[in-house]
Amino acid sequence: MKMHFCIPVSQQRSDALGGRYVLYSVYLDGFLFCRVRYSQLHDWNEQLRRVFGNCLPPFPPKYYLAMTTAMADERRNKLEQYLQNVTMDPNVLRSDVFVEFLKLAQLNTFDITPKKAYLDIFLPNEESINMEIITSDTAERVLEVASHKIGLCRELLGYFGLFLIRFGKEGKLSVVKKLADFELPYASLGSSEVEHCKVGLRKWYMDPSLDSTLMDCRAALDLLYMQAIQDIEKEWAKPTQAQRQKLEAFQKEDNQTKFLELAREVQHYGYLQLDPCTCDYPEPGSGVVLSVGNNEISCCITLPDSQTQDVIFQMSRVKCWQVTFLGTLLDMDGPQRTFNQNLELRFQYSEDSCWQWFVIYTKQAFLLSSCLKKMISEKMVKLAAKNPEMQIEVPEQSKSKKYHIQQSQQKDYSSFLSRKSKIKIAKDDCVFGNIKEEDL
């Protein structure tokens, strides 16, 4: 599926000879990833085409005359679309040409020299693995080394991922973002402005039944056990009193298998919980705590009378969703490297044969979108495994449209839009046209 790349701002710069060029700030999942020139992206596209031919998305052409503001905006929009579309091909994502360019771009943006360094990778029990790395090591490489250190079977690496995690007051846990395979953990951690942020290793799937695939690997079993305990302690998973007593007994016996078997029956086991945020249901500004997993979005909404209401949205009834940026962009030359984030995620949902929009206002909108994509991806894989020729019906407005699903084919229900009228433009910056991730 497409990745959440966007280019919200471009800046005019002068080179050593007094010439002018445009520097594009590329964001990934709402955080500054790198700054690059058009010429660098153009050369990269040429390298990719030598490997992959004409299967790549179109790249915006060179202009040999001065660009108008409209032309500059059009180029930025097309570069953005190119970055989003080129990531749809898993073969491109895994290629050396793709990874090496983005590695170098991230290193240069944050003025990092490839060298030996130490990085702590935190496990779900909050113990850490102190690793010697190279600052240019990707998240994929760091995960491989960390997994080797704890004895995790290589074939199970795809079930886990590295995340930026914030450990707040009173033991509160907040997942900031998942690190992309090609992302540099050393650079992303160092450039993040989130306080008390660390790199953590967690499982990365939303279907709790996938636990059974990992149970025969001792290291994987340990990780699942540690994360289950952590999720219960942090109240992400909510056992009944009877379940809690049995879980405590299994924990005292160190019976991990029985503990996990029972844990899978616990409400919200294996779900990812977002920080408290707001939504527009039943009225604008209502407080909500979201838990995402097992093909549903579970909302605990605080009503005006301080009572709570539990609302569950099944993914099978979600037509599409979009992330919209509502906030301000500060001076990109200053220390601020992330959006002054005001983000919303709105999804269209079928209820009583009627499509309705549900809006969530959260700084973790990109993370939520990634979780929704993960649930759809897992569902498609499961259906394809049962029958590669199966037809899946996906509602589209008032009618149903059939999609012929192959293992390599998926529909993207997400998009990323901006609200231009609400953005304060930084000096000399060209900001947000329409940032859109078309339907997958």
Protein backbone atom coordinates (compact mmCIF):
# COMPACT_ATOMS: atom_id res chain seq x y z
CA MET A 1 0.00 0.00 0.00
CA LYS A 2 1.01 3.62 -0.42
CA MET A 3 2.99 5.30 2.32
CA HIS A 4 2.10 8.61 3.98
CA PHE A 5 4.61 10.76 2.07
CA CYS A 6 3.81 14.43 1.57
CA ILE A 7 5.62 17.61 0.64
CA PRO A 8 3.87 20.36 2.62
CA VAL A 9 6.49 23.03 2.06
CA SER A 10 9.08 24.06 -0.53
CA GLN A 11 11.68 26.77 -0.03
CA GLN A 12 13.70 29.00 -2.34
CA ARG A 13 17.45 28.70 -1.69
CA SER A 14 20.59 30.24 -3.19
CA ASP A 15 23.54 28.11 -4.28
CA ALA A 16 27.24 29.00 -4.04
CA LEU A 17 27.16 30.70 -7.45
CA GLY A 18 24.19 32.88 -6.61
CA GLY A 19 21.69 30.75 -8.49
CA ARG A 20 18.27 29.90 -7.08
CA TYR A 21 16.84 26.46 -6.48
CA VAL A 22 13.88 24.91 -4.64
CA LEU A 23 14.33 22.66 -1.63
CA TYR A 24 11.41 20.30 -0.92
CA SER A 25 10.65 19.20 2.65
CA VAL A 26 9.46 15.60 2.48
CA TYR A 27 7.40 14.36 5.42
CA LEU A 28 6.66 10.75 6.32
CA ASP A 29 3.79 10.02 8.70
CA GLY A 30 3.68 13.68 9.74
CA PHE A 31 7.38 14.00 10.63
CA LEU A 32 10.13 15.61 8.59
CA PHE A 33 11.96 12.82 6.77
CA CYS A 34 14.33 14.68 4.46
CA ARG A 35 14.89 17.79 2.31
CA VAL A 36 15.77 17.30 -1.34
CA ARG A 37 16.12 19.24 -4.60
CA TYR A 38 14.18 18.47 -7.76
CA SER A 39 17.43 17.52 -9.53
CA GLN A 40 18.14 14.87 -6.88
CA LEU A 41 14.68 13.36 -7.24
CA HIS A 42 14.98 13.50 -11.04
CA ASP A 43 18.31 11.61 -11.01
CA TRP A 44 16.83 9.08 -8.57
CA ASN A 45 13.86 8.50 -10.86
CA GLU A 46 16.26 7.91 -13.78
CA GLN A 47 18.13 5.30 -11.74
CA LEU A 48 14.88 3.58 -10.79
CA ARG A 49 13.75 3.52 -14.43
CA ARG A 50 16.96 1.80 -15.50
CA VAL A 51 16.04 -1.00 -13.07
CA PHE A 52 12.23 -1.13 -13.28
CA GLY A 53 11.49 0.35 -16.69
CA ASN A 54 8.21 2.07 -17.48
CA CYS A 55 6.21 0.48 -14.67
CA LEU A 56 7.04 3.47 -12.48
CA PRO A 57 4.55 6.33 -12.04
CA PRO A 58 5.08 9.47 -14.17
CA PHE A 59 7.69 11.93 -12.95
CA PRO A 60 7.12 15.70 -13.35
CA PRO A 61 9.16 17.06 -16.28
CA LYS A 62 11.94 19.64 -16.19
CA TYR A 63 11.16 23.27 -16.92
CA TYR A 64 13.80 25.21 -18.79
CA LEU A 65 12.16 28.60 -18.22
CA ALA A 66 11.28 30.35 -14.97
CA MET A 67 8.33 28.74 -13.21
CA THR A 68 5.23 30.64 -12.21
CA THR A 69 3.73 30.07 -8.75
CA ALA A 70 1.08 27.84 -10.30
CA MET A 71 3.76 25.78 -12.09
CA ALA A 72 5.75 25.46 -8.85
CA ASP A 73 2.67 24.26 -6.96
CA GLU A 74 1.86 21.79 -9.73
CA ARG A 75 5.40 20.39 -9.62
CA ARG A 76 5.29 19.99 -5.84
CA ASN A 77 1.93 18.21 -6.07
CA LYS A 78 3.22 15.86 -8.76
CA LEU A 79 6.41 15.10 -6.83
CA GLU A 80 4.23 14.26 -3.86
CA GLN A 81 2.05 11.95 -5.94
CA TYR A 82 5.16 10.32 -7.37
CA LEU A 83 6.54 9.53 -3.90
CA GLN A 84 3.20 8.09 -2.81
CA ASN A 85 2.67 6.01 -5.95
CA VAL A 86 6.21 4.68 -6.29
CA THR A 87 5.91 3.08 -2.84
CA MET A 88 2.98 0.90 -4.00
CA ASP A 89 5.37 -1.57 -5.66
CA PRO A 90 7.01 -3.77 -2.99
CA ASN A 91 9.84 -4.60 -5.39
CA VAL A 92 10.72 -0.91 -5.66
CA LEU A 93 10.51 -0.51 -1.86
CA ARG A 94 13.01 -3.32 -1.33
CA SER A 95 15.44 -2.23 -4.07
CA ASP A 96 18.91 -0.89 -3.28
CA VAL A 97 18.32 2.13 -5.53
CA PHE A 98 15.24 3.14 -3.54
CA VAL A 99 16.71 2.52 -0.08
CA GLU A 100 20.17 3.98 -0.67
CA PHE A 101 18.81 7.27 -2.00
CA LEU A 102 16.47 7.78 0.97
CA LYS A 103 19.22 6.77 3.43
CA LEU A 104 21.56 9.39 2.01
CA ALA A 105 18.80 12.02 1.90
CA GLN A 106 17.95 11.47 5.57
CA LEU A 107 21.60 11.54 6.62
CA ASN A 108 22.30 14.76 4.69
CA THR A 109 19.16 16.50 5.96
CA PHE A 110 20.10 16.00 9.60
CA ASP A 111 23.86 16.37 9.01
CA ILE A 112 24.68 12.86 10.21
CA THR A 113 27.90 11.12 9.22
CA PRO A 114 27.86 7.33 8.89
CA LYS A 115 29.75 6.07 11.92
CA LYS A 116 29.48 3.61 14.79
CA ALA A 117 27.00 4.53 17.51
CA TYR A 118 24.99 2.93 20.27
CA LEU A 119 21.21 2.61 20.25
CA ASP A 120 18.91 1.21 22.93
CA ILE A 121 16.03 -0.91 21.65
CA PHE A 122 13.34 -1.20 24.32
CA LEU A 123 11.37 -4.40 24.74
CA PRO A 124 7.74 -4.48 25.98
CA ASN A 125 8.94 -5.19 29.54
CA GLU A 126 10.84 -1.85 29.29
CA GLU A 127 14.21 -3.57 29.45
CA SER A 128 16.51 -2.61 26.61
CA ILE A 129 19.00 -4.13 24.21
CA ASN A 130 22.05 -1.91 23.90
CA MET A 131 23.24 -2.28 20.32
CA GLU A 132 26.25 -1.08 18.44
CA ILE A 133 24.99 0.15 15.08
CA ILE A 134 26.05 2.29 12.16
CA THR A 135 24.15 5.59 12.05
CA SER A 136 23.17 4.72 8.46
CA ASP A 137 21.56 1.39 9.44
CA THR A 138 17.92 1.12 8.37
CA ALA A 139 15.09 0.04 10.68
CA GLU A 140 15.01 -3.26 8.81
CA ARG A 141 18.70 -3.85 9.53
CA VAL A 142 18.43 -2.79 13.18
CA LEU A 143 15.43 -5.09 13.65
CA GLU A 144 17.38 -7.99 12.14
CA VAL A 145 20.30 -7.46 14.52
CA ALA A 146 18.06 -6.96 17.56
CA SER A 147 16.08 -10.09 16.69
CA HIS A 148 19.28 -12.10 16.31
CA LYS A 149 20.39 -10.95 19.77
CA ILE A 150 17.19 -12.23 21.41
CA GLY A 151 16.98 -15.38 19.27
CA LEU A 152 13.89 -14.46 17.26
CA CYS A 153 13.43 -16.72 14.23
CA ARG A 154 14.27 -14.84 11.04
CA GLU A 155 11.13 -16.01 9.25
CA LEU A 156 9.02 -14.27 11.92
CA LEU A 157 10.58 -10.82 11.51
CA GLY A 158 7.62 -9.63 9.46
CA TYR A 159 5.35 -9.94 12.49
CA PHE A 160 7.36 -7.33 14.43
CA GLY A 161 8.46 -3.76 13.92
CA LEU A 162 10.37 -0.88 15.43
CA PHE A 163 8.37 2.06 16.78
CA LEU A 164 9.02 5.47 18.25
CA ILE A 165 7.41 5.23 21.68
CA ARG A 166 6.94 7.96 24.27
CA PHE A 167 7.05 7.01 27.93
CA GLY A 168 5.08 9.68 29.76
CA LYS A 169 4.19 10.50 33.33
CA GLU A 170 2.78 7.81 35.63
CA GLY A 171 3.94 5.08 33.27
CA LYS A 172 1.73 6.21 30.38
CA LEU A 173 2.72 4.67 27.06
CA SER A 174 2.16 6.33 23.69
CA VAL A 175 3.11 4.93 20.29
CA VAL A 176 4.26 7.87 18.18
CA LYS A 177 4.84 6.11 14.86
CA LYS A 178 6.05 2.92 13.26
CA LEU A 179 9.44 3.24 11.62
CA ALA A 180 9.43 2.34 7.94
CA ASP A 181 11.87 -0.40 6.89
CA PHE A 182 14.04 2.10 4.98
CA GLU A 183 13.97 4.71 7.76
CA LEU A 184 17.08 5.31 9.88
CA PRO A 185 16.20 4.83 13.57
CA TYR A 186 19.23 6.81 14.73
CA ALA A 187 18.23 9.81 12.58
CA SER A 188 14.49 9.59 13.27
CA LEU A 189 15.00 9.35 17.04
CA GLY A 190 17.51 12.20 17.08
CA SER A 191 15.34 14.49 14.95
CA SER A 192 12.10 13.77 16.79
CA GLU A 193 10.92 16.55 19.07
CA VAL A 194 8.71 14.24 21.10
CA GLU A 195 9.93 14.23 24.70
CA HIS A 196 10.99 10.99 26.39
CA CYS A 197 10.88 9.17 23.07
CA LYS A 198 12.61 5.81 22.60
CA VAL A 199 12.86 3.11 19.95
CA GLY A 200 10.77 0.11 20.92
CA LEU A 201 10.22 -3.38 19.50
CA ARG A 202 6.59 -4.51 19.34
CA LYS A 203 4.51 -6.95 17.36
CA TRP A 204 3.05 -5.40 14.21
CA TYR A 205 -0.21 -7.06 13.32
CA MET A 206 -3.79 -6.27 14.25
CA ASP A 207 -5.31 -9.78 14.10
CA PRO A 208 -4.82 -11.49 17.50
CA SER A 209 -5.33 -14.93 15.91
CA LEU A 210 -1.90 -14.54 14.25
CA ASP A 211 -0.36 -15.20 17.69
CA SER A 212 -0.68 -18.90 16.96
CA THR A 213 1.86 -18.57 14.12
CA LEU A 214 4.53 -17.42 16.58
CA MET A 215 3.99 -19.71 19.55
CA ASP A 216 6.61 -22.30 18.55
CA CYS A 217 9.46 -19.76 18.66
CA ARG A 218 10.68 -19.21 22.22
CA ALA A 219 11.83 -15.62 21.62
CA ALA A 220 8.56 -14.71 19.88
CA LEU A 221 6.59 -16.28 22.72
CA ASP A 222 8.58 -14.18 25.22
CA LEU A 223 7.83 -10.99 23.26
CA LEU A 224 4.11 -11.75 23.04
CA TYR A 225 4.03 -12.53 26.75
CA MET A 226 5.87 -9.32 27.68
CA GLN A 227 3.61 -7.19 25.47
CA ALA A 228 0.45 -8.83 26.81
CA ILE A 229 1.53 -8.06 30.39
CA GLN A 230 2.42 -4.50 29.42
CA ASP A 231 -0.89 -3.93 27.63
CA ILE A 232 -2.84 -5.18 30.65
CA GLU A 233 -0.77 -3.06 33.06
CA LYS A 234 -1.27 0.03 30.88
CA GLU A 235 -5.01 -0.80 30.66
CA TRP A 236 -4.95 -1.16 26.89
CA ALA A 237 -6.33 -4.68 27.33
CA LYS A 238 -9.20 -4.93 29.83
CA PRO A 239 -9.65 -8.28 31.57
CA THR A 240 -12.61 -8.98 33.82
CA GLN A 241 -11.87 -9.55 37.49
CA ALA A 242 -12.14 -13.33 37.02
CA GLN A 243 -9.83 -13.22 34.00
CA ARG A 244 -7.34 -11.06 35.90
CA GLN A 245 -7.15 -13.55 38.77
CA LYS A 246 -6.48 -16.45 36.38
CA LEU A 247 -3.91 -14.41 34.45
CA GLU A 248 -2.09 -13.53 37.67
CA ALA A 249 -2.03 -17.21 38.61
CA PHE A 250 -0.55 -18.18 35.23
CA GLN A 251 1.96 -15.35 35.56
CA LYS A 252 3.10 -16.63 38.97
CA GLU A 253 3.53 -20.09 37.46
CA ASP A 254 5.36 -18.49 34.49
CA ASN A 255 3.00 -20.43 32.25
CA GLN A 256 3.29 -18.21 29.19
CA THR A 257 1.26 -20.41 26.85
CA LYS A 258 -1.77 -20.61 29.15
CA PHE A 259 -1.45 -16.91 29.92
CA LEU A 260 -1.59 -15.97 26.22
CA GLU A 261 -4.41 -18.41 25.47
CA LEU A 262 -6.53 -16.70 28.12
CA ALA A 263 -5.28 -13.22 27.18
CA ARG A 264 -6.70 -13.67 23.66
CA GLU A 265 -10.17 -13.78 25.27
CA VAL A 266 -9.59 -10.43 27.01
CA GLN A 267 -11.34 -7.35 25.67
CA HIS A 268 -9.02 -5.33 23.39
CA TYR A 269 -6.19 -7.85 23.59
CA GLY A 270 -3.71 -7.09 20.80
CA TYR A 271 -5.28 -3.69 20.09
CA LEU A 272 -3.30 -0.47 19.80
CA GLN A 273 -4.70 2.30 21.99
CA LEU A 274 -4.33 5.94 20.99
CA ASP A 275 -3.91 8.89 23.32
CA PRO A 276 -7.16 10.54 24.47
CA CYS A 277 -8.48 12.80 21.71
CA THR A 278 -11.78 14.26 20.46
CA CYS A 279 -14.42 13.34 17.90
CA ASP A 280 -17.59 14.80 16.39
CA TYR A 281 -19.97 12.15 17.78
CA PRO A 282 -22.47 12.50 19.35
CA GLU A 283 -21.50 16.16 19.15
CA PRO A 284 -18.34 18.10 18.20
CA GLY A 285 -15.62 18.13 20.85
CA SER A 286 -16.63 14.87 22.53
CA GLY A 287 -13.72 13.19 24.27
CA VAL A 288 -12.80 9.71 23.05
CA VAL A 289 -10.29 6.93 23.64
CA LEU A 290 -9.74 4.74 20.58
CA SER A 291 -8.53 1.15 20.51
CA VAL A 292 -7.81 -0.38 17.11
CA GLY A 293 -7.50 -4.06 16.27
CA ASN A 294 -9.24 -7.29 15.29
CA ASN A 295 -11.00 -5.60 12.34
CA GLU A 296 -12.67 -2.91 14.40
CA ILE A 297 -12.31 0.61 15.75
CA SER A 298 -13.48 0.65 19.36
CA CYS A 299 -14.39 4.06 20.81
CA CYS A 300 -15.03 4.91 24.44
CA ILE A 301 -16.76 8.29 24.13
CA THR A 302 -17.28 10.71 27.03
CA LEU A 303 -20.74 12.24 26.78
CA PRO A 304 -21.66 15.79 27.87
CA ASP A 305 -23.07 14.46 31.17
CA SER A 306 -19.66 12.77 31.85
CA GLN A 307 -21.16 9.34 31.20
CA THR A 308 -19.32 7.10 28.72
CA GLN A 309 -20.62 5.30 25.67
CA ASP A 310 -18.87 2.46 23.86
CA VAL A 311 -19.19 2.54 20.08
CA ILE A 312 -17.66 -0.08 17.79
CA PHE A 313 -17.08 0.41 14.07
CA GLN A 314 -16.50 -2.78 12.08
CA MET A 315 -13.89 -2.43 9.31
CA SER A 316 -16.13 -4.44 6.98
CA ARG A 317 -18.49 -1.44 6.97
CA VAL A 318 -15.85 1.25 6.47
CA LYS A 319 -15.81 2.48 2.88
CA CYS A 320 -12.81 4.84 3.00
CA TRP A 321 -10.97 7.33 5.17
CA GLN A 322 -8.81 10.39 4.82
CA VAL A 323 -6.30 12.27 6.95
CA THR A 324 -6.58 16.06 6.84
CA PHE A 325 -4.02 18.54 8.10
CA LEU A 326 -5.60 21.44 9.98
CA GLY A 327 -2.65 23.09 11.73
CA THR A 328 0.13 25.55 11.10
CA LEU A 329 3.57 25.10 9.61
CA LEU A 330 6.25 26.94 11.51
CA ASP A 331 9.63 28.19 10.26
CA MET A 332 11.22 25.16 8.62
CA ASP A 333 14.73 26.57 9.18
CA GLY A 334 14.21 26.65 12.92
CA PRO A 335 14.21 23.75 15.39
CA GLN A 336 10.60 22.85 14.58
CA ARG A 337 10.73 19.83 12.31
CA THR A 338 7.21 18.47 12.68
CA PHE A 339 3.81 19.91 11.93
CA ASN A 340 2.31 22.02 14.68
CA GLN A 341 -0.03 19.12 14.47
CA ASN A 342 -3.74 19.48 14.20
CA LEU A 343 -4.80 16.41 12.29
CA GLU A 344 -8.13 14.76 11.72
CA LEU A 345 -8.98 11.34 10.41
CA ARG A 346 -12.49 10.96 9.03
CA PHE A 347 -13.94 7.69 7.80
CA GLN A 348 -17.13 6.87 5.92
CA TYR A 349 -19.20 4.21 7.60
CA SER A 350 -22.34 2.32 6.62
CA GLU A 351 -25.07 2.28 9.24
CA ASP A 352 -28.68 1.35 8.53
CA SER A 353 -27.92 1.35 4.77
CA CYS A 354 -26.77 4.97 5.02
CA TRP A 355 -23.20 6.29 4.61
CA GLN A 356 -22.08 8.62 7.39
CA TRP A 357 -18.80 10.37 8.18
CA PHE A 358 -17.19 9.97 11.59
CA VAL A 359 -14.40 12.46 12.43
CA ILE A 360 -11.54 11.95 14.90
CA TYR A 361 -9.17 14.77 15.84
CA THR A 362 -5.83 13.29 16.90
CA LYS A 363 -2.11 13.91 16.43
CA GLN A 364 -1.83 10.15 15.86
CA ALA A 365 -3.98 10.28 12.71
CA PHE A 366 -1.21 8.83 10.53
CA LEU A 367 -0.60 6.00 13.00
CA LEU A 368 -4.34 5.28 13.06
CA SER A 369 -4.39 5.26 9.26
CA SER A 370 -1.49 2.78 9.23
CA CYS A 371 -3.42 0.51 11.61
CA LEU A 372 -6.51 0.63 9.39
CA LYS A 373 -4.40 -0.24 6.35
CA LYS A 374 -2.80 -3.10 8.28
CA MET A 375 -6.20 -4.57 9.17
CA ILE A 376 -7.34 -4.44 5.54
CA SER A 377 -4.04 -5.93 4.34
CA GLU A 378 -4.32 -8.82 6.80
CA LYS A 379 -7.90 -9.45 5.76
CA MET A 380 -6.94 -9.54 2.06
CA VAL A 381 -4.08 -11.96 2.75
CA LYS A 382 -6.37 -14.24 4.73
CA LEU A 383 -9.04 -14.21 2.02
CA ALA A 384 -6.50 -14.77 -0.75
CA ALA A 385 -5.04 -17.73 1.15
CA LYS A 386 -8.49 -19.34 1.28
CA ASN A 387 -9.27 -18.69 -2.37
CA PRO A 388 -6.99 -16.67 -4.70
CA GLU A 389 -9.89 -16.17 -7.12
CA MET A 390 -12.36 -14.95 -4.49
CA GLN A 391 -14.38 -11.84 -5.28
CA ILE A 392 -14.72 -9.32 -2.47
CA GLU A 393 -17.68 -6.95 -2.47
CA VAL A 394 -16.80 -3.45 -1.29
CA PRO A 395 -19.68 -0.97 -0.93
CA GLU A 396 -19.34 2.16 -3.02
CA GLN A 397 -21.94 4.81 -2.17
CA SER A 398 -25.37 3.32 -2.92
CA LYS A 399 -24.18 0.27 -4.85
CA SER A 400 -21.69 -2.54 -4.47
CA LYS A 401 -18.65 -2.86 -6.65
CA LYS A 402 -16.85 -6.15 -7.00
CA TYR A 403 -13.07 -6.27 -6.84
CA HIS A 404 -11.18 -9.27 -8.10
CA ILE A 405 -8.57 -9.84 -5.40
CA GLN A 406 -5.21 -11.43 -6.08
CA GLN A 407 -2.47 -11.64 -3.46
CA SER A 408 -0.61 -8.80 -5.12
CA GLN A 409 -3.71 -6.61 -5.49
CA GLN A 410 -5.22 -4.42 -2.81
CA LYS A 411 -7.56 -1.47 -2.80
CA ASP A 412 -6.48 1.60 -0.87
CA TYR A 413 -9.29 3.25 1.03
CA SER A 414 -7.20 6.14 2.37
CA SER A 415 -6.23 9.62 1.31
CA PHE A 416 -4.39 12.61 2.73
CA LEU A 417 -5.86 16.08 2.24
CA SER A 418 -5.00 19.55 3.47
CA ARG A 419 -7.15 22.49 4.35
CA LYS A 420 -5.23 25.29 2.73
CA SER A 421 -7.29 28.09 4.23
CA LYS A 422 -6.21 27.13 7.76
CA ILE A 423 -2.45 27.12 7.11
CA LYS A 424 -0.18 29.99 8.07
CA ILE A 425 2.41 30.38 5.34
CA ALA A 426 6.02 30.65 6.46
CA LYS A 427 8.13 33.31 4.76
CA ASP A 428 9.36 32.34 1.27
CA ASP A 429 7.50 29.05 1.47
CA CYS A 430 5.06 27.51 -0.97
CA VAL A 431 2.66 25.54 1.20
CA PHE A 432 0.08 22.74 0.68
CA GLY A 433 -1.86 22.54 -2.45
CA ASN A 434 -3.96 19.40 -2.44
CA ILE A 435 -2.01 16.62 -0.75
CA LYS A 436 -3.85 13.53 -1.77
CA GLU A 437 -3.16 9.83 -1.59
CA GLU A 438 -5.50 8.37 -4.18
CA ASP A 439 -7.53 5.26 -3.43
CA LEU A 440 -5.44 2.07 -3.33
